Amino acid sequence: MAKTPDEMMNAISESLAERTDRTLDGWMALVQVSGIAPLDQNAVRRWLRAKHGVQQNSQWAIADAATSSRVDLGLRFTDPPPDDCLQRSTGPGQATHKAALRSVDDVDDQVRHLLRLAYEQNP
């Protein structure tokens, strides 16, 4: 059975606490008082690595949570389809595009189609 968004966030927070000795809420509070714009995920990730030695997977979870209103689904395309929900990705990593998801309901047929295309273009 699929986890609810609250269950997923709790699992992420517990995992972060185990790996970093600080919960997701604790990290988000630090980001808020750091002087770094929480919506600048690249800057947040660089700060987490340089100042606190946070590893990459944890950086992504913290930086994404700092936006509070969405999760960006990163997709890698060799031939991107024209689609209004896609934006060019400027973040580190191999994603060429991203789609902003604000709720579980946003994972609709259109997003599933984009996931399938990205999967097929990256054998």
PDB file of N, CA and C in Angstrom:
ATOM      1  N   MET A   1       0.837  -1.186   0.000  1.00  0.00           N
ATOM      2  CA  MET A   1       0.000   0.000   0.000  1.00  0.00           C
ATOM      3  C   MET A   1       0.884   1.253   0.000  1.00  0.00           C
ATOM      4  N   ALA A   2       0.535   2.224  -0.809  1.00  0.00           N
ATOM      5  CA  ALA A   2       1.313   3.451  -0.937  1.00  0.00           C
ATOM      6  C   ALA A   2       1.224   4.275   0.342  1.00  0.00           C
ATOM      7  N   LYS A   3       2.329   4.944   0.637  1.00  0.00           N
ATOM      8  CA  LYS A   3       2.371   5.808   1.816  1.00  0.00           C
ATOM      9  C   LYS A   3       1.689   7.133   1.507  1.00  0.00           C
ATOM     10  N   THR A   4       1.109   7.723   2.538  1.00  0.00           N
ATOM     11  CA  THR A   4       0.538   9.063   2.397  1.00  0.00           C
ATOM     12  C   THR A   4       1.684  10.067   2.362  1.00  0.00           C
ATOM     13  N   PRO A   5       1.444  11.299   1.900  1.00  0.00           N
ATOM     14  CA  PRO A   5       2.503  12.310   1.924  1.00  0.00           C
ATOM     15  C   PRO A   5       3.071  12.525   3.328  1.00  0.00           C
ATOM     16  N   ASP A   6       2.217  12.507   4.353  1.00  0.00           N
ATOM     17  CA  ASP A   6       2.710  12.679   5.724  1.00  0.00           C
ATOM     18  C   ASP A   6       3.619  11.524   6.131  1.00  0.00           C
ATOM     19  N   GLU A   7       3.255  10.307   5.757  1.00  0.00           N
ATOM     20  CA  GLU A   7       4.088   9.151   6.073  1.00  0.00           C
ATOM     21  C   GLU A   7       5.427   9.230   5.347  1.00  0.00           C
ATOM     22  N   MET A   8       5.403   9.704   4.099  1.00  0.00           N
ATOM     23  CA  MET A   8       6.650   9.848   3.350  1.00  0.00           C
ATOM     24  C   MET A   8       7.556  10.902   4.001  1.00  0.00           C
ATOM     25  N   MET A   9       6.970  12.035   4.393  1.00  0.00           N
ATOM     26  CA  MET A   9       7.765  13.083   5.042  1.00  0.00           C
ATOM     27  C   MET A   9       8.337  12.593   6.367  1.00  0.00           C
ATOM     28  N   ASN A  10       7.557  11.834   7.130  1.00  0.00           N
ATOM     29  CA  ASN A  10       8.059  11.279   8.390  1.00  0.00           C
ATOM     30  C   ASN A  10       9.217  10.328   8.137  1.00  0.00           C
ATOM     31  N   ALA A  11       9.104   9.497   7.106  1.00  0.00           N
ATOM     32  CA  ALA A  11      10.177   8.564   6.773  1.00  0.00           C
ATOM     33  C   ALA A  11      11.445   9.314   6.368  1.00  0.00           C
ATOM     34  N   ILE A  12      11.296  10.371   5.582  1.00  0.00           N
ATOM     35  CA  ILE A  12      12.446  11.180   5.173  1.00  0.00           C
ATOM     36  C   ILE A  12      13.094  11.818   6.383  1.00  0.00           C
ATOM     37  N   SER A  13      12.275  12.379   7.275  1.00  0.00           N
ATOM     38  CA  SER A  13      12.800  13.039   8.466  1.00  0.00           C
ATOM     39  C   SER A  13      13.538  12.049   9.369  1.00  0.00           C
ATOM     40  N   GLU A  14      12.971  10.867   9.549  1.00  0.00           N
ATOM     41  CA  GLU A  14      13.631   9.847  10.371  1.00  0.00           C
ATOM     42  C   GLU A  14      14.960   9.425   9.754  1.00  0.00           C
ATOM     43  N   SER A  15      14.981   9.246   8.448  1.00  0.00           N
ATOM     44  CA  SER A  15      16.211   8.858   7.768  1.00  0.00           C
ATOM     45  C   SER A  15      17.276   9.944   7.911  1.00  0.00           C
ATOM     46  N   LEU A  16      16.876  11.205   7.746  1.00  0.00           N
ATOM     47  CA  LEU A  16      17.820  12.307   7.917  1.00  0.00           C
ATOM     48  C   LEU A  16      18.364  12.344   9.340  1.00  0.00           C
ATOM     49  N   ALA A  17      17.494  12.153  10.325  1.00  0.00           N
ATOM     50  CA  ALA A  17      17.916  12.181  11.721  1.00  0.00           C
ATOM     51  C   ALA A  17      18.950  11.080  11.988  1.00  0.00           C
ATOM     52  N   GLU A  18      18.749   9.926  11.389  1.00  0.00           N
ATOM     53  CA  GLU A  18      19.709   8.824  11.559  1.00  0.00           C
ATOM     54  C   GLU A  18      21.056   9.153  10.922  1.00  0.00           C
ATOM     55  N   ARG A  19      21.022   9.776   9.739  1.00  0.00           N
ATOM     56  CA  ARG A  19      22.255  10.047   8.998  1.00  0.00           C
ATOM     57  C   ARG A  19      22.966  11.316   9.436  1.00  0.00           C
ATOM     58  N   THR A  20      22.201  12.316   9.910  1.00  0.00           N
ATOM     59  CA  THR A  20      22.795  13.630  10.167  1.00  0.00           C
ATOM     60  C   THR A  20      22.605  14.126  11.594  1.00  0.00           C
ATOM     61  N   ASP A  21      21.910  13.368  12.426  1.00  0.00           N
ATOM     62  CA  ASP A  21      21.605  13.781  13.807  1.00  0.00           C
ATOM     63  C   ASP A  21      20.726  15.030  13.873  1.00  0.00           C
ATOM     64  N   ARG A  22      19.995  15.302  12.798  1.00  0.00           N
ATOM     65  CA  ARG A  22      19.077  16.445  12.792  1.00  0.00           C
ATOM     66  C   ARG A  22      17.882  16.069  11.926  1.00  0.00           C
ATOM     67  N   THR A  23      16.668  16.392  12.383  1.00  0.00           N
ATOM     68  CA  THR A  23      15.458  16.082  11.622  1.00  0.00           C
ATOM     69  C   THR A  23      15.317  17.039  10.441  1.00  0.00           C
ATOM     70  N   LEU A  24      14.398  16.711   9.559  1.00  0.00           N
ATOM     71  CA  LEU A  24      14.109  17.585   8.423  1.00  0.00           C
ATOM     72  C   LEU A  24      13.671  18.961   8.907  1.00  0.00           C
ATOM     73  N   ASP A  25      12.802  19.008   9.916  1.00  0.00           N
ATOM     74  CA  ASP A  25      12.374  20.304  10.473  1.00  0.00           C
ATOM     75  C   ASP A  25      13.560  21.083  11.022  1.00  0.00           C
ATOM     76  N   GLY A  26      14.485  20.368  11.668  1.00  0.00           N
ATOM     77  CA  GLY A  26      15.685  21.028  12.196  1.00  0.00           C
ATOM     78  C   GLY A  26      16.531  21.627  11.093  1.00  0.00           C
ATOM     79  N   TRP A  27      16.730  20.871  10.011  1.00  0.00           N
ATOM     80  CA  TRP A  27      17.488  21.393   8.875  1.00  0.00           C
ATOM     81  C   TRP A  27      16.777  22.569   8.222  1.00  0.00           C
ATOM     82  N   MET A  28      15.471  22.459   8.076  1.00  0.00           N
ATOM     83  CA  MET A  28      14.710  23.551   7.450  1.00  0.00           C
ATOM     84  C   MET A  28      14.815  24.821   8.285  1.00  0.00           C
ATOM     85  N   ALA A  29      14.794  24.684   9.605  1.00  0.00           N
ATOM     86  CA  ALA A  29      14.943  25.855  10.473  1.00  0.00           C
ATOM     87  C   ALA A  29      16.315  26.496  10.280  1.00  0.00           C
ATOM     88  N   LEU A  30      17.359  25.672  10.142  1.00  0.00           N
ATOM     89  CA  LEU A  30      18.699  26.212   9.888  1.00  0.00           C
ATOM     90  C   LEU A  30      18.767  26.943   8.553  1.00  0.00           C
ATOM     91  N   VAL A  31      18.144  26.368   7.536  1.00  0.00           N
ATOM     92  CA  VAL A  31      18.129  27.023   6.227  1.00  0.00           C
ATOM     93  C   VAL A  31      17.433  28.383   6.341  1.00  0.00           C
ATOM     94  N   GLN A  32      16.339  28.440   7.072  1.00  0.00           N
ATOM     95  CA  GLN A  32      15.584  29.696   7.197  1.00  0.00           C
ATOM     96  C   GLN A  32      16.408  30.813   7.840  1.00  0.00           C
ATOM     97  N   VAL A  33      17.283  30.477   8.790  1.00  0.00           N
ATOM     98  CA  VAL A  33      18.071  31.515   9.474  1.00  0.00           C
ATOM     99  C   VAL A  33      19.460  31.696   8.870  1.00  0.00           C
ATOM    100  N   SER A  34      19.771  30.942   7.822  1.00  0.00           N
ATOM    101  CA  SER A  34      21.111  30.972   7.223  1.00  0.00           C
ATOM    102  C   SER A  34      21.380  32.221   6.399  1.00  0.00           C
ATOM    103  N   GLY A  35      20.330  32.885   5.959  1.00  0.00           N
ATOM    104  CA  GLY A  35      20.496  34.024   5.066  1.00  0.00           C
ATOM    105  C   GLY A  35      20.470  33.626   3.598  1.00  0.00           C
ATOM    106  N   ILE A  36      20.392  32.310   3.342  1.00  0.00           N
ATOM    107  CA  ILE A  36      20.312  31.813   1.969  1.00  0.00           C
ATOM    108  C   ILE A  36      18.842  31.754   1.569  1.00  0.00           C
ATOM    109  N   ALA A  37      18.538  32.137   0.350  1.00  0.00           N
ATOM    110  CA  ALA A  37      17.160  32.064  -0.131  1.00  0.00           C
ATOM    111  C   ALA A  37      16.738  30.607  -0.215  1.00  0.00           C
ATOM    112  N   PRO A  38      15.725  30.182   0.562  1.00  0.00           N
ATOM    113  CA  PRO A  38      15.331  28.776   0.564  1.00  0.00           C
ATOM    114  C   PRO A  38      14.893  28.255  -0.798  1.00  0.00           C
ATOM    115  N   LEU A  39      14.440  29.130  -1.684  1.00  0.00           N
ATOM    116  CA  LEU A  39      14.007  28.685  -3.003  1.00  0.00           C
ATOM    117  C   LEU A  39      15.175  28.477  -3.967  1.00  0.00           C
ATOM    118  N   ASP A  40      16.362  28.943  -3.589  1.00  0.00           N
ATOM    119  CA  ASP A  40      17.553  28.713  -4.414  1.00  0.00           C
ATOM    120  C   ASP A  40      18.158  27.381  -3.987  1.00  0.00           C
ATOM    121  N   GLN A  41      17.636  26.305  -4.571  1.00  0.00           N
ATOM    122  CA  GLN A  41      18.032  24.974  -4.135  1.00  0.00           C
ATOM    123  C   GLN A  41      19.517  24.699  -4.345  1.00  0.00           C
ATOM    124  N   ASN A  42      20.097  25.236  -5.392  1.00  0.00           N
ATOM    125  CA  ASN A  42      21.531  25.033  -5.612  1.00  0.00           C
ATOM    126  C   ASN A  42      22.343  25.667  -4.489  1.00  0.00           C
ATOM    127  N   ALA A  43      21.979  26.891  -4.117  1.00  0.00           N
ATOM    128  CA  ALA A  43      22.696  27.576  -3.034  1.00  0.00           C
ATOM    129  C   ALA A  43      22.507  26.834  -1.709  1.00  0.00           C
ATOM    130  N   VAL A  44      21.306  26.354  -1.456  1.00  0.00           N
ATOM    131  CA  VAL A  44      21.048  25.602  -0.228  1.00  0.00           C
ATOM    132  C   VAL A  44      21.906  24.345  -0.197  1.00  0.00           C
ATOM    133  N   ARG A  45      21.953  23.613  -1.299  1.00  0.00           N
ATOM    134  CA  ARG A  45      22.748  22.388  -1.337  1.00  0.00           C
ATOM    135  C   ARG A  45      24.241  22.680  -1.151  1.00  0.00           C
ATOM    136  N   ARG A  46      24.741  23.738  -1.814  1.00  0.00           N
ATOM    137  CA  ARG A  46      26.163  24.100  -1.654  1.00  0.00           C
ATOM    138  C   ARG A  46      26.468  24.451  -0.197  1.00  0.00           C
ATOM    139  N   TRP A  47      25.574  25.211   0.433  1.00  0.00           N
ATOM    140  CA  TRP A  47      25.750  25.608   1.832  1.00  0.00           C
ATOM    141  C   TRP A  47      25.718  24.392   2.753  1.00  0.00           C
ATOM    142  N   LEU A  48      24.781  23.483   2.524  1.00  0.00           N
ATOM    143  CA  LEU A  48      24.691  22.282   3.351  1.00  0.00           C
ATOM    144  C   LEU A  48      25.975  21.454   3.260  1.00  0.00           C
ATOM    145  N   ARG A  49      26.529  21.345   2.065  1.00  0.00           N
ATOM    146  CA  ARG A  49      27.751  20.568   1.878  1.00  0.00           C
ATOM    147  C   ARG A  49      28.945  21.296   2.507  1.00  0.00           C
ATOM    148  N   ALA A  50      29.116  22.591   2.193  1.00  0.00           N
ATOM    149  CA  ALA A  50      30.292  23.335   2.648  1.00  0.00           C
ATOM    150  C   ALA A  50      30.278  23.587   4.155  1.00  0.00           C
ATOM    151  N   LYS A  51      29.154  23.986   4.686  1.00  0.00           N
ATOM    152  CA  LYS A  51      29.072  24.387   6.101  1.00  0.00           C
ATOM    153  C   LYS A  51      28.859  23.203   7.031  1.00  0.00           C
ATOM    154  N   HIS A  52      28.097  22.200   6.581  1.00  0.00           N
ATOM    155  CA  HIS A  52      27.702  21.119   7.478  1.00  0.00           C
ATOM    156  C   HIS A  52      28.134  19.731   7.010  1.00  0.00           C
ATOM    157  N   GLY A  53      28.769  19.630   5.840  1.00  0.00           N
ATOM    158  CA  GLY A  53      29.228  18.337   5.349  1.00  0.00           C
ATOM    159  C   GLY A  53      28.105  17.367   5.018  1.00  0.00           C
ATOM    160  N   VAL A  54      26.928  17.890   4.695  1.00  0.00           N
ATOM    161  CA  VAL A  54      25.776  17.039   4.390  1.00  0.00           C
ATOM    162  C   VAL A  54      25.986  16.382   3.028  1.00  0.00           C
ATOM    163  N   GLN A  55      25.767  15.077   2.964  1.00  0.00           N
ATOM    164  CA  GLN A  55      25.939  14.319   1.738  1.00  0.00           C
ATOM    165  C   GLN A  55      24.852  14.645   0.716  1.00  0.00           C
ATOM    166  N   GLN A  56      25.085  14.290  -0.544  1.00  0.00           N
ATOM    167  CA  GLN A  56      24.234  14.720  -1.658  1.00  0.00           C
ATOM    168  C   GLN A  56      22.773  14.327  -1.512  1.00  0.00           C
ATOM    169  N   ASN A  57      22.450  13.062  -1.234  1.00  0.00           N
ATOM    170  CA  ASN A  57      21.042  12.671  -1.146  1.00  0.00           C
ATOM    171  C   ASN A  57      20.310  13.446  -0.060  1.00  0.00           C
ATOM    172  N   SER A  58      20.978  13.673   1.057  1.00  0.00           N
ATOM    173  CA  SER A  58      20.367  14.451   2.129  1.00  0.00           C
ATOM    174  C   SER A  58      20.189  15.903   1.712  1.00  0.00           C
ATOM    175  N   GLN A  59      21.173  16.431   0.956  1.00  0.00           N
ATOM    176  CA  GLN A  59      21.060  17.815   0.472  1.00  0.00           C
ATOM    177  C   GLN A  59      19.790  17.999  -0.343  1.00  0.00           C
ATOM    178  N   TRP A  60      19.526  17.034  -1.236  1.00  0.00           N
ATOM    179  CA  TRP A  60      18.347  17.136  -2.097  1.00  0.00           C
ATOM    180  C   TRP A  60      17.073  17.131  -1.270  1.00  0.00           C
ATOM    181  N   ALA A  61      16.985  16.240  -0.293  1.00  0.00           N
ATOM    182  CA  ALA A  61      15.776  16.159   0.539  1.00  0.00           C
ATOM    183  C   ALA A  61      15.554  17.458   1.290  1.00  0.00           C
ATOM    184  N   ILE A  62      16.611  18.020   1.841  1.00  0.00           N
ATOM    185  CA  ILE A  62      16.490  19.255   2.623  1.00  0.00           C
ATOM    186  C   ILE A  62      16.143  20.435   1.710  1.00  0.00           C
ATOM    187  N   ALA A  63      16.874  20.568   0.598  1.00  0.00           N
ATOM    188  CA  ALA A  63      16.630  21.690  -0.317  1.00  0.00           C
ATOM    189  C   ALA A  63      15.224  21.628  -0.894  1.00  0.00           C
ATOM    190  N   ASP A  64      14.771  20.425  -1.247  1.00  0.00           N
ATOM    191  CA  ASP A  64      13.415  20.287  -1.776  1.00  0.00           C
ATOM    192  C   ASP A  64      12.373  20.631  -0.717  1.00  0.00           C
ATOM    193  N   ALA A  65      12.592  20.181   0.500  1.00  0.00           N
ATOM    194  CA  ALA A  65      11.633  20.464   1.566  1.00  0.00           C
ATOM    195  C   ALA A  65      11.604  21.946   1.899  1.00  0.00           C
ATOM    196  N   ALA A  66      12.726  22.620   1.703  1.00  0.00           N
ATOM    197  CA  ALA A  66      12.781  24.043   2.015  1.00  0.00           C
ATOM    198  C   ALA A  66      11.842  24.854   1.133  1.00  0.00           C
ATOM    199  N   THR A  67      11.476  24.328  -0.034  1.00  0.00           N
ATOM    200  CA  THR A  67      10.522  25.045  -0.874  1.00  0.00           C
ATOM    201  C   THR A  67       9.109  24.920  -0.322  1.00  0.00           C
ATOM    202  N   SER A  68       8.853  23.871   0.454  1.00  0.00           N
ATOM    203  CA  SER A  68       7.600  23.629   1.179  1.00  0.00           C
ATOM    204  C   SER A  68       6.350  23.453   0.339  1.00  0.00           C
ATOM    205  N   SER A  69       6.346  23.926  -0.880  1.00  0.00           N
ATOM    206  CA  SER A  69       5.092  23.875  -1.629  1.00  0.00           C
ATOM    207  C   SER A  69       5.115  22.917  -2.808  1.00  0.00           C
ATOM    208  N   ARG A  70       6.293  22.325  -3.075  1.00  0.00           N
ATOM    209  CA  ARG A  70       6.344  21.465  -4.243  1.00  0.00           C
ATOM    210  C   ARG A  70       7.529  20.525  -4.166  1.00  0.00           C
ATOM    211  N   VAL A  71       7.481  19.544  -5.027  1.00  0.00           N
ATOM    212  CA  VAL A  71       8.602  18.654  -5.284  1.00  0.00           C
ATOM    213  C   VAL A  71       8.861  18.736  -6.777  1.00  0.00           C
ATOM    214  N   ASP A  72      10.107  18.937  -7.150  1.00  0.00           N
ATOM    215  CA  ASP A  72      10.454  18.963  -8.566  1.00  0.00           C
ATOM    216  C   ASP A  72      10.860  17.562  -8.996  1.00  0.00           C
ATOM    217  N   LEU A  73      10.152  17.034  -9.970  1.00  0.00           N
ATOM    218  CA  LEU A  73      10.466  15.731 -10.540  1.00  0.00           C
ATOM    219  C   LEU A  73      11.465  15.952 -11.659  1.00  0.00           C
ATOM    220  N   GLY A  74      12.700  15.475 -11.466  1.00  0.00           N
ATOM    221  CA  GLY A  74      13.742  15.634 -12.474  1.00  0.00           C
ATOM    222  C   GLY A  74      13.664  14.530 -13.508  1.00  0.00           C
ATOM    223  N   LEU A  75      13.728  14.901 -14.776  1.00  0.00           N
ATOM    224  CA  LEU A  75      13.655  13.955 -15.882  1.00  0.00           C
ATOM    225  C   LEU A  75      14.799  14.231 -16.846  1.00  0.00           C
ATOM    226  N   ARG A  76      15.351  13.184 -17.424  1.00  0.00           N
ATOM    227  CA  ARG A  76      16.430  13.336 -18.400  1.00  0.00           C
ATOM    228  C   ARG A  76      15.911  12.913 -19.766  1.00  0.00           C
ATOM    229  N   PHE A  77      15.968  13.852 -20.712  1.00  0.00           N
ATOM    230  CA  PHE A  77      15.525  13.578 -22.074  1.00  0.00           C
ATOM    231  C   PHE A  77      16.678  13.804 -23.045  1.00  0.00           C
ATOM    232  N   THR A  78      16.776  12.944 -24.048  1.00  0.00           N
ATOM    233  CA  THR A  78      17.675  13.212 -25.166  1.00  0.00           C
ATOM    234  C   THR A  78      16.913  13.974 -26.251  1.00  0.00           C
ATOM    235  N   ASP A  79      15.602  13.792 -26.289  1.00  0.00           N
ATOM    236  CA  ASP A  79      14.716  14.484 -27.216  1.00  0.00           C
ATOM    237  C   ASP A  79      13.464  14.905 -26.440  1.00  0.00           C
ATOM    238  N   PRO A  80      13.507  16.056 -25.769  1.00  0.00           N
ATOM    239  CA  PRO A  80      12.387  16.441 -24.911  1.00  0.00           C
ATOM    240  C   PRO A  80      11.102  16.693 -25.700  1.00  0.00           C
ATOM    241  N   PRO A  81       9.986  16.192 -25.197  1.00  0.00           N
ATOM    242  CA  PRO A  81       8.714  16.436 -25.861  1.00  0.00           C
ATOM    243  C   PRO A  81       8.220  17.850 -25.545  1.00  0.00           C
ATOM    244  N   PRO A  82       7.459  18.443 -26.456  1.00  0.00           N
ATOM    245  CA  PRO A  82       6.850  19.733 -26.103  1.00  0.00           C
ATOM    246  C   PRO A  82       5.752  19.480 -25.063  1.00  0.00           C
ATOM    247  N   ASP A  83       5.880  20.102 -23.911  1.00  0.00           N
ATOM    248  CA  ASP A  83       4.898  19.889 -22.851  1.00  0.00           C
ATOM    249  C   ASP A  83       4.918  21.095 -21.926  1.00  0.00           C
ATOM    250  N   ASP A  84       3.742  21.662 -21.669  1.00  0.00           N
ATOM    251  CA  ASP A  84       3.644  22.866 -20.851  1.00  0.00           C
ATOM    252  C   ASP A  84       4.105  22.670 -19.412  1.00  0.00           C
ATOM    253  N   CYS A  85       4.055  21.440 -18.891  1.00  0.00           N
ATOM    254  CA  CYS A  85       4.430  21.253 -17.488  1.00  0.00           C
ATOM    255  C   CYS A  85       5.939  21.074 -17.317  1.00  0.00           C
ATOM    256  N   LEU A  86       6.712  20.965 -18.405  1.00  0.00           N
ATOM    257  CA  LEU A  86       8.158  20.798 -18.312  1.00  0.00           C
ATOM    258  C   LEU A  86       8.874  22.135 -18.297  1.00  0.00           C
ATOM    259  N   GLN A  87       9.902  22.203 -17.459  1.00  0.00           N
ATOM    260  CA  GLN A  87      10.802  23.355 -17.431  1.00  0.00           C
ATOM    261  C   GLN A  87      12.214  22.824 -17.571  1.00  0.00           C
ATOM    262  N   ARG A  88      13.112  23.614 -18.150  1.00  0.00           N
ATOM    263  CA  ARG A  88      14.522  23.215 -18.210  1.00  0.00           C
ATOM    264  C   ARG A  88      15.055  23.117 -16.796  1.00  0.00           C
ATOM    265  N   SER A  89      15.843  22.110 -16.534  1.00  0.00           N
ATOM    266  CA  SER A  89      16.450  21.935 -15.220  1.00  0.00           C
ATOM    267  C   SER A  89      17.795  22.633 -15.193  1.00  0.00           C
ATOM    268  N   THR A  90      18.024  23.395 -14.151  1.00  0.00           N
ATOM    269  CA  THR A  90      19.300  24.092 -14.001  1.00  0.00           C
ATOM    270  C   THR A  90      20.108  23.520 -12.848  1.00  0.00           C
ATOM    271  N   GLY A  91      19.542  22.509 -12.180  1.00  0.00           N
ATOM    272  CA  GLY A  91      20.210  21.937 -11.025  1.00  0.00           C
ATOM    273  C   GLY A  91      21.327  20.995 -11.410  1.00  0.00           C
ATOM    274  N   PRO A  92      22.119  20.625 -10.412  1.00  0.00           N
ATOM    275  CA  PRO A  92      23.145  19.630 -10.679  1.00  0.00           C
ATOM    276  C   PRO A  92      22.512  18.271 -10.950  1.00  0.00           C
ATOM    277  N   GLY A  93      23.264  17.385 -11.497  1.00  0.00           N
ATOM    278  CA  GLY A  93      22.729  16.064 -11.809  1.00  0.00           C
ATOM    279  C   GLY A  93      22.444  15.946 -13.290  1.00  0.00           C
ATOM    280  N   GLN A  94      21.821  14.856 -13.670  1.00  0.00           N
ATOM    281  CA  GLN A  94      21.616  14.562 -15.079  1.00  0.00           C
ATOM    282  C   GLN A  94      20.248  14.975 -15.607  1.00  0.00           C
ATOM    283  N   ALA A  95      19.377  15.469 -14.765  1.00  0.00           N
ATOM    284  CA  ALA A  95      18.050  15.878 -15.240  1.00  0.00           C
ATOM    285  C   ALA A  95      18.187  17.045 -16.206  1.00  0.00           C
ATOM    286  N   THR A  96      17.526  16.936 -17.342  1.00  0.00           N
ATOM    287  CA  THR A  96      17.519  18.025 -18.317  1.00  0.00           C
ATOM    288  C   THR A  96      16.281  18.899 -18.162  1.00  0.00           C
ATOM    289  N   HIS A  97      15.237  18.312 -17.553  1.00  0.00           N
ATOM    290  CA  HIS A  97      13.965  19.010 -17.372  1.00  0.00           C
ATOM    291  C   HIS A  97      13.374  18.639 -16.019  1.00  0.00           C
ATOM    292  N   LYS A  98      12.418  19.429 -15.582  1.00  0.00           N
ATOM    293  CA  LYS A  98      11.731  19.129 -14.331  1.00  0.00           C
ATOM    294  C   LYS A  98      10.261  19.483 -14.467  1.00  0.00           C
ATOM    295  N   ALA A  99       9.472  18.821 -13.633  1.00  0.00           N
ATOM    296  CA  ALA A  99       8.036  19.098 -13.552  1.00  0.00           C
ATOM    297  C   ALA A  99       7.716  19.341 -12.082  1.00  0.00           C
ATOM    298  N   ALA A 100       7.080  20.448 -11.778  1.00  0.00           N
ATOM    299  CA  ALA A 100       6.733  20.790 -10.396  1.00  0.00           C
ATOM    300  C   ALA A 100       5.475  20.033  -9.985  1.00  0.00           C
ATOM    301  N   LEU A 101       5.577  19.318  -8.882  1.00  0.00           N
ATOM    302  CA  LEU A 101       4.439  18.573  -8.333  1.00  0.00           C
ATOM    303  C   LEU A 101       4.096  19.165  -6.980  1.00  0.00           C
ATOM    304  N   ARG A 102       2.846  19.579  -6.821  1.00  0.00           N
ATOM    305  CA  ARG A 102       2.421  20.193  -5.566  1.00  0.00           C
ATOM    306  C   ARG A 102       1.557  19.281  -4.712  1.00  0.00           C
ATOM    307  N   SER A 103       1.098  18.194  -5.298  1.00  0.00           N
ATOM    308  CA  SER A 103       0.326  17.211  -4.539  1.00  0.00           C
ATOM    309  C   SER A 103       0.394  15.873  -5.261  1.00  0.00           C
ATOM    310  N   VAL A 104      -0.018  14.833  -4.585  1.00  0.00           N
ATOM    311  CA  VAL A 104      -0.041  13.502  -5.186  1.00  0.00           C
ATOM    312  C   VAL A 104      -0.952  13.500  -6.414  1.00  0.00           C
ATOM    313  N   ASP A 105      -1.983  14.322  -6.388  1.00  0.00           N
ATOM    314  CA  ASP A 105      -2.908  14.402  -7.523  1.00  0.00           C
ATOM    315  C   ASP A 105      -2.233  14.897  -8.803  1.00  0.00           C
ATOM    316  N   ASP A 106      -1.085  15.580  -8.668  1.00  0.00           N
ATOM    317  CA  ASP A 106      -0.367  16.060  -9.850  1.00  0.00           C
ATOM    318  C   ASP A 106       0.291  14.929 -10.631  1.00  0.00           C
ATOM    319  N   VAL A 107       0.437  13.767 -10.020  1.00  0.00           N
ATOM    320  CA  VAL A 107       1.001  12.616 -10.731  1.00  0.00           C
ATOM    321  C   VAL A 107      -0.138  11.984 -11.529  1.00  0.00           C
ATOM    322  N   ASP A 108      -0.419  12.600 -12.659  1.00  0.00           N
ATOM    323  CA  ASP A 108      -1.535  12.189 -13.506  1.00  0.00           C
ATOM    324  C   ASP A 108      -1.018  11.463 -14.747  1.00  0.00           C
ATOM    325  N   ASP A 109      -1.894  11.221 -15.687  1.00  0.00           N
ATOM    326  CA  ASP A 109      -1.511  10.507 -16.908  1.00  0.00           C
ATOM    327  C   ASP A 109      -0.428  11.257 -17.685  1.00  0.00           C
ATOM    328  N   GLN A 110      -0.498  12.573 -17.688  1.00  0.00           N
ATOM    329  CA  GLN A 110       0.499  13.379 -18.386  1.00  0.00           C
ATOM    330  C   GLN A 110       1.887  13.162 -17.774  1.00  0.00           C
ATOM    331  N   VAL A 111       1.985  13.204 -16.454  1.00  0.00           N
ATOM    332  CA  VAL A 111       3.266  13.002 -15.775  1.00  0.00           C
ATOM    333  C   VAL A 111       3.752  11.566 -15.978  1.00  0.00           C
ATOM    334  N   ARG A 112       2.857  10.606 -15.895  1.00  0.00           N
ATOM    335  CA  ARG A 112       3.244   9.214 -16.132  1.00  0.00           C
ATOM    336  C   ARG A 112       3.770   9.030 -17.558  1.00  0.00           C
ATOM    337  N   HIS A 113       3.173   9.736 -18.520  1.00  0.00           N
ATOM    338  CA  HIS A 113       3.646   9.683 -19.902  1.00  0.00           C
ATOM    339  C   HIS A 113       5.067  10.258 -20.006  1.00  0.00           C
ATOM    340  N   LEU A 114       5.312  11.373 -19.329  1.00  0.00           N
ATOM    341  CA  LEU A 114       6.648  11.967 -19.345  1.00  0.00           C
ATOM    342  C   LEU A 114       7.680  11.039 -18.696  1.00  0.00           C
ATOM    343  N   LEU A 115       7.289  10.397 -17.609  1.00  0.00           N
ATOM    344  CA  LEU A 115       8.177   9.426 -16.957  1.00  0.00           C
ATOM    345  C   LEU A 115       8.529   8.288 -17.913  1.00  0.00           C
ATOM    346  N   ARG A 116       7.537   7.778 -18.616  1.00  0.00           N
ATOM    347  CA  ARG A 116       7.755   6.684 -19.569  1.00  0.00           C
ATOM    348  C   ARG A 116       8.693   7.132 -20.682  1.00  0.00           C
ATOM    349  N   LEU A 117       8.473   8.342 -21.235  1.00  0.00           N
ATOM    350  CA  LEU A 117       9.351   8.848 -22.302  1.00  0.00           C
ATOM    351  C   LEU A 117      10.782   8.993 -21.834  1.00  0.00           C
ATOM    352  N   ALA A 118      10.966   9.545 -20.641  1.00  0.00           N
ATOM    353  CA  ALA A 118      12.313   9.715 -20.103  1.00  0.00           C
ATOM    354  C   ALA A 118      12.981   8.353 -19.904  1.00  0.00           C
ATOM    355  N   TYR A 119      12.222   7.413 -19.404  1.00  0.00           N
ATOM    356  CA  TYR A 119      12.753   6.052 -19.192  1.00  0.00           C
ATOM    357  C   TYR A 119      13.170   5.431 -20.521  1.00  0.00           C
ATOM    358  N   GLU A 120      12.350   5.569 -21.528  1.00  0.00           N
ATOM    359  CA  GLU A 120      12.652   4.990 -22.835  1.00  0.00           C
ATOM    360  C   GLU A 120      13.858   5.657 -23.511  1.00  0.00           C
ATOM    361  N   GLN A 121      14.081   6.942 -23.218  1.00  0.00           N
ATOM    362  CA  GLN A 121      15.208   7.647 -23.828  1.00  0.00           C
ATOM    363  C   GLN A 121      16.514   7.421 -23.085  1.00  0.00           C
ATOM    364  N   ASN A 122      16.475   6.687 -21.994  1.00  0.00           N
ATOM    365  CA  ASN A 122      17.685   6.450 -21.195  1.00  0.00           C
ATOM    366  C   ASN A 122      17.832   4.963 -20.901  1.00  0.00           C
ATOM    367  N   PRO A 123      18.193   4.185 -21.928  1.00  0.00           N
ATOM    368  CA  PRO A 123      18.298   2.739 -21.730  1.00  0.00           C
ATOM    369  C   PRO A 123      19.435   2.355 -20.791  1.00  0.00           C
TER     370      PRO A 123
END
